[in-house]
Protein backbone atom coordinates (compact mmCIF):
# COMPACT_ATOMS: atom_id res chain seq x y z
CA UNK A 1 0.25 0.19 0.12
CA UNK A 2 1.44 4.03 -0.17
CA UNK A 3 0.49 4.37 3.35
CA UNK A 4 3.05 1.23 3.64
CA UNK A 5 0.33 -0.44 5.68
CA UNK A 6 -1.43 -3.24 4.82
CA UNK A 7 -4.92 -3.57 3.76
CA UNK A 8 -7.66 -5.56 5.52
CA UNK A 9 -9.92 -6.67 3.83
CA UNK A 10 -12.61 -8.77 5.67
CA UNK A 11 -15.01 -11.49 3.68
CA UNK A 12 -19.02 -12.92 5.77
CA UNK A 13 -18.17 -16.86 5.61
CA UNK A 14 -22.11 -16.83 4.90
CA UNK A 15 -21.66 -14.33 2.18
CA UNK A 16 -18.97 -16.69 0.64
CA UNK A 17 -20.16 -19.53 1.21
CA UNK A 18 -24.07 -18.27 -0.72
CA UNK A 19 -21.93 -16.62 -3.55
CA UNK A 20 -21.03 -20.34 -3.98
CA UNK A 21 -23.56 -22.42 -4.51
CA UNK A 22 -24.91 -19.56 -6.47
CA UNK A 23 -22.24 -20.10 -9.10
CA UNK A 24 -22.23 -23.78 -8.64
CA UNK A 25 -26.21 -24.40 -9.19
CA UNK A 26 -25.80 -22.28 -12.34
CA UNK A 27 -22.59 -23.95 -13.62
CA UNK A 28 -25.05 -26.98 -13.04
CA UNK A 29 -27.00 -26.26 -15.33
CA UNK A 30 -24.70 -25.04 -18.18
CA UNK A 31 -24.47 -21.21 -17.73
CA UNK A 32 -21.40 -20.03 -18.47
CA UNK A 33 -19.81 -16.23 -19.19
CA UNK A 34 -19.57 -14.71 -22.26
CA UNK A 35 -15.80 -12.71 -23.11
CA UNK A 36 -17.36 -9.48 -21.47
CA UNK A 37 -18.80 -11.30 -17.85
CA UNK A 38 -22.60 -11.54 -18.92
CA UNK A 39 -23.85 -14.54 -17.88
CA UNK A 40 -24.72 -16.85 -21.15
CA UNK A 41 -28.11 -19.38 -20.52
CA UNK A 42 -27.63 -23.13 -22.15
CA UNK A 43 -29.30 -22.40 -25.47
CA UNK A 44 -33.39 -23.10 -25.56
CA UNK A 45 -33.65 -26.61 -27.34
CA UNK A 46 -35.66 -28.46 -26.35
CA UNK A 47 -32.62 -30.84 -23.78
CA UNK A 48 -31.30 -27.33 -22.53
CA UNK A 49 -34.82 -26.34 -20.87
CA UNK A 50 -35.54 -28.98 -19.36
CA UNK A 51 -31.96 -29.08 -17.78
CA UNK A 52 -33.16 -25.31 -16.72
CA UNK A 53 -35.94 -27.83 -14.92
CA UNK A 54 -34.11 -29.99 -13.49
CA UNK A 55 -33.57 -28.49 -9.74
CA UNK A 56 -37.47 -26.76 -9.95
CA UNK A 57 -38.33 -31.06 -11.06
CA UNK A 58 -36.50 -32.80 -8.19
CA UNK A 59 -37.66 -30.49 -5.73
CA UNK A 60 -41.45 -30.80 -6.81
CA UNK A 61 -40.93 -34.49 -6.80
CA UNK A 62 -39.57 -34.58 -3.03
CA UNK A 63 -42.75 -32.78 -2.12
CA UNK A 64 -45.00 -35.32 -3.52
CA UNK A 65 -43.13 -38.26 -2.45
CA UNK A 66 -46.11 -39.63 0.30
CA UNK A 67 -48.48 -38.71 -2.77
CA UNK A 68 -46.75 -40.75 -5.53
CA UNK A 69 -45.59 -44.37 -2.92
CA UNK A 70 -48.68 -44.10 -1.24
CA UNK A 71 -51.17 -43.18 -3.93
CA UNK A 72 -49.86 -43.32 -7.50
CA UNK A 73 -51.23 -47.30 -7.62
CA UNK A 74 -54.91 -46.74 -6.41
CA UNK A 75 -55.07 -43.66 -9.31
CA UNK A 76 -53.18 -45.89 -11.84
CA UNK A 77 -57.38 -47.03 -13.21
CA UNK A 78 -57.75 -43.35 -14.77
CA UNK A 79 -55.87 -42.76 -16.78
CA UNK A 80 -56.29 -44.59 -20.52
CA UNK A 81 -54.21 -47.44 -22.70
CA UNK A 82 -54.81 -46.74 -26.67
CA UNK A 83 -56.93 -49.87 -26.62
CA UNK A 84 -59.47 -47.69 -24.04
CA UNK A 85 -60.03 -45.22 -26.28
CA UNK A 86 -62.40 -45.28 -29.23
CA UNK A 87 -61.56 -41.68 -31.11
CA UNK A 88 -66.04 -41.90 -33.08
CA UNK A 89 -66.92 -42.58 -29.16
CA UNK A 90 -64.57 -39.65 -27.61
CA UNK A 91 -66.57 -37.70 -24.51
CA UNK A 92 -64.93 -34.97 -23.71
CA UNK A 93 -66.38 -33.40 -19.47
CA UNK A 94 -65.12 -30.84 -17.53
CA UNK A 95 -64.94 -31.91 -13.53
CA UNK A 96 -63.85 -29.36 -11.11
CA UNK A 97 -62.10 -30.14 -8.44
CA UNK A 98 -62.25 -29.11 -4.32
CA UNK A 99 -59.18 -29.02 -2.54
CA UNK A 100 -57.87 -31.90 -0.48
CA UNK A 101 -60.36 -34.44 -2.72
CA UNK A 102 -59.16 -37.91 -4.45
CA UNK A 103 -59.84 -35.73 -7.92
CA UNK A 104 -56.67 -33.13 -6.37
CA UNK A 105 -54.13 -36.02 -5.50
CA UNK A 106 -54.49 -37.45 -9.56
CA UNK A 107 -54.31 -33.99 -10.74
CA UNK A 108 -50.77 -33.66 -9.07
CA UNK A 109 -50.17 -37.72 -10.54
CA UNK A 110 -50.99 -36.49 -13.76
CA UNK A 111 -48.72 -32.88 -13.59
CA UNK A 112 -45.73 -35.53 -12.62
CA UNK A 113 -45.90 -37.55 -16.21
CA UNK A 114 -45.03 -34.05 -18.17
CA UNK A 115 -41.42 -33.31 -18.53
CA UNK A 116 -41.60 -29.17 -17.36
CA UNK A 117 -43.04 -29.03 -13.72
CA UNK A 118 -46.31 -26.52 -13.21
CA UNK A 119 -46.27 -24.11 -11.21
CA UNK A 120 -48.58 -24.01 -8.04
CA UNK A 121 -50.72 -20.38 -9.03
CA UNK A 122 -51.79 -18.65 -7.31
CA UNK A 123 -54.47 -15.93 -5.66
CA UNK A 124 -57.82 -16.86 -7.60
CA UNK A 125 -57.24 -20.12 -8.98
CA UNK A 126 -59.87 -22.81 -10.26
CA UNK A 127 -58.69 -26.32 -11.26
CA UNK A 128 -60.14 -29.47 -13.57
CA UNK A 129 -59.96 -32.79 -14.64
CA UNK A 130 -61.27 -33.22 -18.32
CA UNK A 131 -62.88 -36.54 -18.50
CA UNK A 132 -62.80 -39.06 -22.06
CA UNK A 133 -66.87 -39.90 -20.34
CA UNK A 134 -66.91 -42.50 -23.04
CA UNK A 135 -64.75 -44.51 -21.11
CA UNK A 136 -63.84 -43.40 -17.50
CA UNK A 137 -60.48 -41.69 -18.43
CA UNK A 138 -58.63 -38.81 -17.97
CA UNK A 139 -57.63 -36.84 -20.61
CA UNK A 140 -56.34 -34.09 -19.82
CA UNK A 141 -56.26 -30.97 -17.32
CA UNK A 142 -57.00 -26.90 -16.62
CA UNK A 143 -56.43 -25.08 -14.36
CA UNK A 144 -56.07 -20.82 -14.39
CA UNK A 145 -55.08 -19.05 -12.29
CA UNK A 146 -53.92 -14.80 -11.66
CA UNK A 147 -52.45 -13.27 -14.07
CA UNK A 148 -48.86 -11.94 -13.68
CA UNK A 149 -48.93 -7.83 -12.91
CA UNK A 150 -45.71 -7.61 -15.30
CA UNK A 151 -46.32 -8.85 -18.71
CA UNK A 152 -44.92 -6.44 -21.37
CA UNK A 153 -46.44 -8.99 -25.04
CA UNK A 154 -49.79 -8.55 -23.16
CA UNK A 155 -49.97 -5.15 -22.19
CA UNK A 156 -48.45 -3.45 -25.18
CA UNK A 157 -51.54 -6.07 -26.89
CA UNK A 158 -54.26 -4.74 -24.94
CA UNK A 159 -53.79 -1.64 -25.53
CA UNK A 160 -52.36 -0.56 -21.49
CA UNK A 161 -51.33 1.58 -19.50
CA UNK A 162 -50.74 1.38 -16.09
CA UNK A 163 -53.10 3.13 -14.57
CA UNK A 164 -55.44 0.87 -16.77
CA UNK A 165 -53.80 -2.94 -16.14
CA UNK A 166 -54.69 -1.58 -12.59
CA UNK A 167 -58.66 -1.06 -13.23
CA UNK A 168 -58.40 -4.03 -15.39
CA UNK A 169 -56.37 -6.60 -14.71
CA UNK A 170 -59.23 -8.40 -12.39
CA UNK A 171 -61.24 -9.44 -15.80
CA UNK A 172 -57.43 -11.67 -17.06
CA UNK A 173 -56.76 -15.40 -16.39
CA UNK A 174 -53.75 -17.33 -16.79
CA UNK A 175 -53.57 -21.41 -17.28
CA UNK A 176 -51.09 -22.05 -16.19
CA UNK A 177 -51.78 -25.86 -16.56
CA UNK A 178 -52.73 -26.58 -19.83
CA UNK A 179 -52.66 -30.74 -21.62
CA UNK A 180 -53.72 -32.63 -22.92
CA UNK A 181 -52.59 -36.91 -21.29
CA UNK A 182 -51.27 -39.76 -23.07
CA UNK A 183 -52.84 -41.86 -24.79
CA UNK A 184 -54.65 -38.31 -26.21
CA UNK A 185 -51.53 -36.36 -26.93
CA UNK A 186 -51.50 -38.35 -29.70
CA UNK A 187 -53.99 -37.52 -31.12
CA UNK A 188 -53.57 -33.68 -30.50
CA UNK A 189 -55.77 -33.68 -28.29
CA UNK A 190 -54.13 -30.49 -26.22
CA UNK A 191 -55.82 -29.01 -29.39
CA UNK A 192 -58.96 -30.36 -27.94
CA UNK A 193 -58.07 -29.14 -24.50
CA UNK A 194 -56.87 -25.78 -25.33
CA UNK A 195 -60.43 -24.68 -27.09
CA UNK A 196 -62.03 -25.47 -24.26
CA UNK A 197 -60.73 -22.49 -22.86
CA UNK A 198 -63.13 -20.42 -24.72
CA UNK A 199 -66.50 -21.71 -23.42
CA UNK A 200 -69.48 -20.80 -21.63
CA UNK A 201 -68.59 -23.84 -18.80
CA UNK A 202 -65.41 -21.64 -18.25
CA UNK A 203 -67.24 -18.36 -18.37
CA UNK A 204 -70.34 -19.73 -15.96
CA UNK A 205 -67.67 -21.27 -13.43
CA UNK A 206 -65.58 -18.24 -13.00
CA UNK A 207 -68.79 -16.01 -12.91
CA UNK A 208 -69.90 -17.97 -10.25
CA UNK A 209 -66.73 -17.85 -8.35
CA UNK A 210 -64.68 -15.07 -8.71
CA UNK A 211 -67.76 -12.78 -10.02
CA UNK A 212 -67.98 -10.72 -7.42
CA UNK A 213 -64.38 -9.47 -6.00
CA UNK A 214 -61.99 -7.52 -4.19
CA UNK A 215 -59.02 -6.19 -5.93
CA UNK A 216 -55.78 -7.26 -4.91
CA UNK A 217 -53.92 -3.94 -5.13
CA UNK A 218 -56.76 -1.62 -4.83
CA UNK A 219 -59.07 -3.13 -2.23
CA UNK A 220 -61.87 -1.51 -4.29
CA UNK A 221 -65.54 -4.67 -4.66
CA UNK A 222 -65.07 -4.61 -8.77
CA UNK A 223 -66.72 -6.08 -10.90
CA UNK A 224 -65.10 -9.23 -12.81
CA UNK A 225 -65.61 -10.92 -16.11
CA UNK A 226 -63.62 -13.37 -17.58
CA UNK A 227 -63.13 -11.78 -21.30
CA UNK A 228 -59.77 -13.15 -21.16
CA UNK A 229 -56.54 -16.41 -20.24
CA UNK A 230 -53.76 -16.06 -21.54
CA UNK A 231 -51.24 -18.90 -21.46
CA UNK A 232 -47.34 -19.78 -22.12
CA UNK A 233 -45.60 -22.52 -24.35
CA UNK A 234 -43.11 -24.86 -21.98
CA UNK A 235 -40.85 -25.86 -25.41
CA UNK A 236 -40.29 -22.10 -27.87
CA UNK A 237 -42.93 -21.81 -30.04
CA UNK A 238 -45.98 -24.23 -29.43
CA UNK A 239 -46.88 -26.07 -33.05
CA UNK A 240 -49.74 -27.09 -30.57
CA UNK A 241 -51.04 -23.63 -29.66
CA UNK A 242 -50.81 -21.78 -33.03
CA UNK A 243 -53.44 -20.89 -35.67
CA UNK A 244 -56.24 -22.77 -33.26
CA UNK A 245 -58.99 -22.35 -35.44
CA UNK A 246 -62.65 -24.04 -35.02
CA UNK A 247 -65.67 -22.95 -37.64
CA UNK A 248 -63.27 -19.85 -37.96
CA UNK A 249 -63.06 -18.88 -35.07
CA UNK A 250 -60.02 -18.24 -33.77
CA UNK A 251 -59.66 -19.41 -29.43
CA UNK A 252 -55.36 -18.74 -28.84
CA UNK A 253 -54.19 -16.19 -30.32
CA UNK A 254 -50.40 -15.01 -30.55
CA UNK A 255 -48.68 -11.65 -29.33
CA UNK A 256 -44.94 -12.25 -28.83
CA UNK A 257 -42.80 -14.19 -26.45
CA UNK A 258 -41.61 -13.44 -22.57
CA UNK A 259 -37.83 -12.13 -22.62
CA UNK A 260 -36.16 -14.83 -20.99
CA UNK A 261 -36.48 -13.15 -17.32
CA UNK A 262 -37.51 -14.77 -14.86
CA UNK A 263 -36.42 -16.68 -11.53
CA UNK A 264 -37.39 -20.77 -12.34
CA UNK A 265 -33.58 -21.10 -12.68
CA UNK A 266 -33.28 -20.27 -8.30
CA UNK A 267 -34.66 -23.58 -6.84
CA UNK A 268 -36.80 -23.49 -3.32
CA UNK A 269 -33.69 -24.17 -1.62
CA UNK A 270 -31.04 -21.62 -2.65
CA UNK A 271 -34.70 -19.68 -2.81
CA UNK A 272 -34.53 -20.15 0.69
CA UNK A 273 -31.07 -18.71 1.58
CA UNK A 274 -31.00 -16.48 -0.14
CA UNK A 275 -34.33 -15.15 1.30
CA UNK A 276 -32.07 -15.40 5.07
CA UNK A 277 -29.26 -13.80 3.45
CA UNK A 278 -31.79 -10.79 3.16
CA UNK A 279 -32.83 -11.15 6.84
CA UNK A 280 -29.81 -10.87 7.80
CA UNK A 281 -28.77 -7.82 6.43
CA UNK A 282 -32.18 -6.56 6.90
CA UNK A 283 -33.54 -5.87 4.00
CA UNK A 284 -36.98 -5.14 4.16
CA UNK A 285 -38.03 -8.17 0.71
CA UNK A 286 -37.02 -10.95 2.81
CA UNK A 287 -40.82 -11.23 4.16
CA UNK A 288 -42.37 -8.70 1.86
CA UNK A 289 -44.87 -11.64 1.01
CA UNK A 290 -48.78 -11.26 1.49
CA UNK A 291 -49.87 -11.34 -2.08
CA UNK A 292 -50.75 -7.65 -1.43
CA UNK A 293 -47.39 -6.61 -2.42
CA UNK A 294 -47.82 -8.59 -5.39
CA UNK A 295 -47.38 -11.55 -8.43
CA UNK A 296 -43.92 -10.68 -9.19
CA UNK A 297 -42.87 -11.08 -4.63
CA UNK A 298 -40.73 -13.68 -5.52
CA UNK A 299 -38.60 -11.98 -8.84
CA UNK A 300 -37.69 -9.42 -7.45
CA UNK A 301 -36.79 -10.49 -3.62
CA UNK A 302 -33.96 -13.25 -6.05
CA UNK A 303 -33.25 -9.45 -7.87
CA UNK A 304 -32.35 -7.77 -4.41
CA UNK A 305 -30.23 -10.46 -2.76
CA UNK A 306 -28.60 -10.91 -5.87
CA UNK A 307 -27.80 -7.47 -5.74
CA UNK A 308 -26.75 -7.04 -2.30
CA UNK A 309 -24.77 -9.62 -3.04
CA UNK A 310 -22.97 -8.03 -5.95
CA UNK A 311 -23.61 -9.74 -8.43
CA UNK A 312 -24.58 -8.29 -11.97
CA UNK A 313 -28.92 -8.21 -13.15
CA UNK A 314 -28.29 -11.32 -15.71
CA UNK A 315 -28.85 -13.99 -13.14
CA UNK A 316 -32.13 -13.55 -13.89
CA UNK A 317 -32.33 -13.96 -17.36
CA UNK A 318 -32.49 -18.27 -17.99
CA UNK A 319 -32.97 -17.18 -21.52
CA UNK A 320 -36.43 -19.43 -22.62
CA UNK A 321 -38.79 -16.70 -24.72
CA UNK A 322 -41.56 -18.35 -24.14
CA UNK A 323 -44.36 -17.87 -27.06
CA UNK A 324 -47.28 -16.11 -24.75
CA UNK A 325 -51.34 -17.08 -26.29
CA UNK A 326 -54.70 -14.76 -25.62
CA UNK A 327 -57.77 -16.23 -25.39
CA UNK A 328 -60.30 -14.32 -25.47
CA UNK A 329 -63.46 -15.43 -24.20
CA UNK A 330 -66.22 -12.65 -26.30
CA UNK A 331 -65.85 -10.73 -29.43
CA UNK A 332 -65.42 -6.99 -27.70
CA UNK A 333 -62.65 -8.43 -24.80
CA UNK A 334 -60.23 -5.27 -26.26
CA UNK A 335 -62.63 -2.78 -26.80
CA UNK A 336 -64.13 -3.51 -22.18
CA UNK A 337 -60.16 -3.84 -21.22
CA UNK A 338 -59.35 -0.91 -23.09
CA UNK A 339 -61.96 1.17 -22.15
CA UNK A 340 -63.55 -0.16 -18.75
CA UNK A 341 -66.60 -0.04 -20.27
CA UNK A 342 -69.45 -2.43 -22.34
CA UNK A 343 -71.09 -5.80 -21.65
CA UNK A 344 -69.34 -8.74 -23.02
CA UNK A 345 -70.58 -10.44 -26.10
CA UNK A 346 -70.98 -13.33 -25.88
CA UNK A 347 -72.35 -14.86 -28.60
CA UNK A 348 -69.56 -16.75 -30.25
CA UNK A 349 -69.25 -18.43 -26.52
CA UNK A 350 -69.56 -22.52 -27.68
CA UNK A 351 -70.28 -25.45 -24.49
CA UNK A 352 -67.56 -27.46 -23.28
CA UNK A 353 -69.78 -29.93 -25.09
CA UNK A 354 -70.27 -27.73 -28.73
CA UNK A 355 -66.44 -27.26 -28.63
CA UNK A 356 -65.19 -31.04 -28.47
CA UNK A 357 -67.08 -32.65 -31.10
CA UNK A 358 -66.23 -29.76 -33.72
CA UNK A 359 -62.13 -30.52 -32.06
CA UNK A 360 -62.76 -34.50 -32.27
CA UNK A 361 -63.76 -33.91 -35.45
CA UNK A 362 -61.24 -31.45 -36.65
CA UNK A 363 -58.06 -32.89 -35.55
CA UNK A 364 -58.88 -36.16 -33.23
CA UNK A 365 -60.66 -38.15 -36.55
CA UNK A 366 -58.02 -37.45 -38.63
CA UNK A 367 -55.63 -37.72 -36.54
CA UNK A 368 -56.16 -42.33 -35.55
CA UNK A 369 -56.63 -42.44 -39.33
CA UNK A 370 -53.28 -41.20 -41.08
CA UNK A 371 -51.50 -42.31 -38.22
CA UNK A 372 -52.12 -44.91 -34.90
CA UNK A 373 -49.80 -44.84 -33.02
CA UNK A 374 -51.88 -44.36 -29.71
CA UNK A 375 -53.81 -47.58 -30.01
CA UNK A 376 -50.21 -49.38 -28.96
CA UNK A 377 -49.59 -47.20 -26.04
CA UNK A 378 -50.08 -48.95 -22.92
CA UNK A 379 -50.88 -47.60 -19.52
CA UNK A 380 -48.32 -49.22 -17.60
CA UNK A 381 -45.74 -46.62 -19.64
CA UNK A 382 -47.03 -44.17 -16.67
CA UNK A 383 -47.05 -46.66 -14.02
CA UNK A 384 -42.93 -46.93 -14.77
CA UNK A 385 -43.18 -43.11 -14.57
CA UNK A 386 -44.46 -42.45 -11.92
CA UNK A 387 -42.11 -45.23 -9.83
CA UNK A 388 -38.95 -43.96 -12.05
CA UNK A 389 -39.88 -40.86 -9.57
CA UNK A 390 -40.42 -42.75 -6.10
CA UNK A 391 -37.14 -44.46 -7.31
CA UNK A 392 -35.45 -40.68 -7.96
CA UNK A 393 -36.93 -39.67 -4.55
CA UNK A 394 -35.07 -42.85 -2.56
CA UNK A 395 -31.77 -42.22 -4.10
CA UNK A 396 -32.18 -38.41 -2.94
CA UNK A 397 -32.68 -39.13 0.46
CA UNK A 398 -30.17 -41.74 0.43
CA UNK A 399 -27.87 -39.32 -0.57
CA UNK A 400 -29.33 -36.41 2.30
CA UNK A 401 -28.09 -40.00 5.18
CA UNK A 402 -24.82 -40.08 3.27
CA UNK A 403 -23.67 -37.03 3.42
CA UNK A 404 -25.37 -36.92 7.17
């Protein structure tokens, strides 16, 4: 040193350990650094997306350990094999799910068959099982919940400013679970289920449950109508949702892509340590978890912790740009959302039964004639998937015990 004295740098051991864990976790997911020091995502391929979700998926498996080990065999009878399906007789019906029911267990179990873990949703939520009434088998799942407050492509499409959004976001929901289960997915059943978002059944259920609601931010009583539902693809561009039309009616409209920012690559265990760190430094975000603070609380909390640790903001950029779609239930959805005036024009809104009949004729019957691999699908394949989850859980517990 110029003054002849030695400078002593104090390093907080907990802070240094947390930084190390963050770097090691991101490296395990395939993130690298550019020559300029910026964080670089591993890519947009399907394998890269699955890798980025790996830690989150493993946490969900641990959280559902009891469900898989105790109830999966009992619930297997609801999953179809190809031999169970007579395509000409497929008859979809919706069943609303109540919490703490066997239907709720079945919903959770069915989501484990998907390679990318699904959200649990937040705020207002309505969940459905989609049954094939012709054979009593499960076709797919639908769950809608409160949308995120900030979504640029949605707000640009509607032409909202921040005041418009605050006043009328109550009329929107987001489909955070949406899809068909095998072998119905092999018959393009995912297209049918996506179309069911724009049904009188969902509109009516929302009105019954949330028609008279209180704004989370404004705290004012609001008469809510389900005017639109957004959803995002899990693997970049969606081949299922694009060009989704029946008899001239467009059921989903692509409105752009997300920016590739978020927090899903930060697993719960690491997020918990980041919150503990914020508590250590008396940061206000550590315990601002009430829903009234907004649905982006986890994102803001993670960003605050990373900033306090000295990391660049690009740590929140996972690089996965997902395609965003909007389903407009009323003919005049955009005008009402823009102005807050008018009555919903529901003249083109059909029942689940009518939509299903059109979708089966349009997609499922032709696919069954041209691609017959669905007929050889066995529900035993899902049994093996669930058994594999149980083995993964056992291995993880064994690793933890070996290290303790």
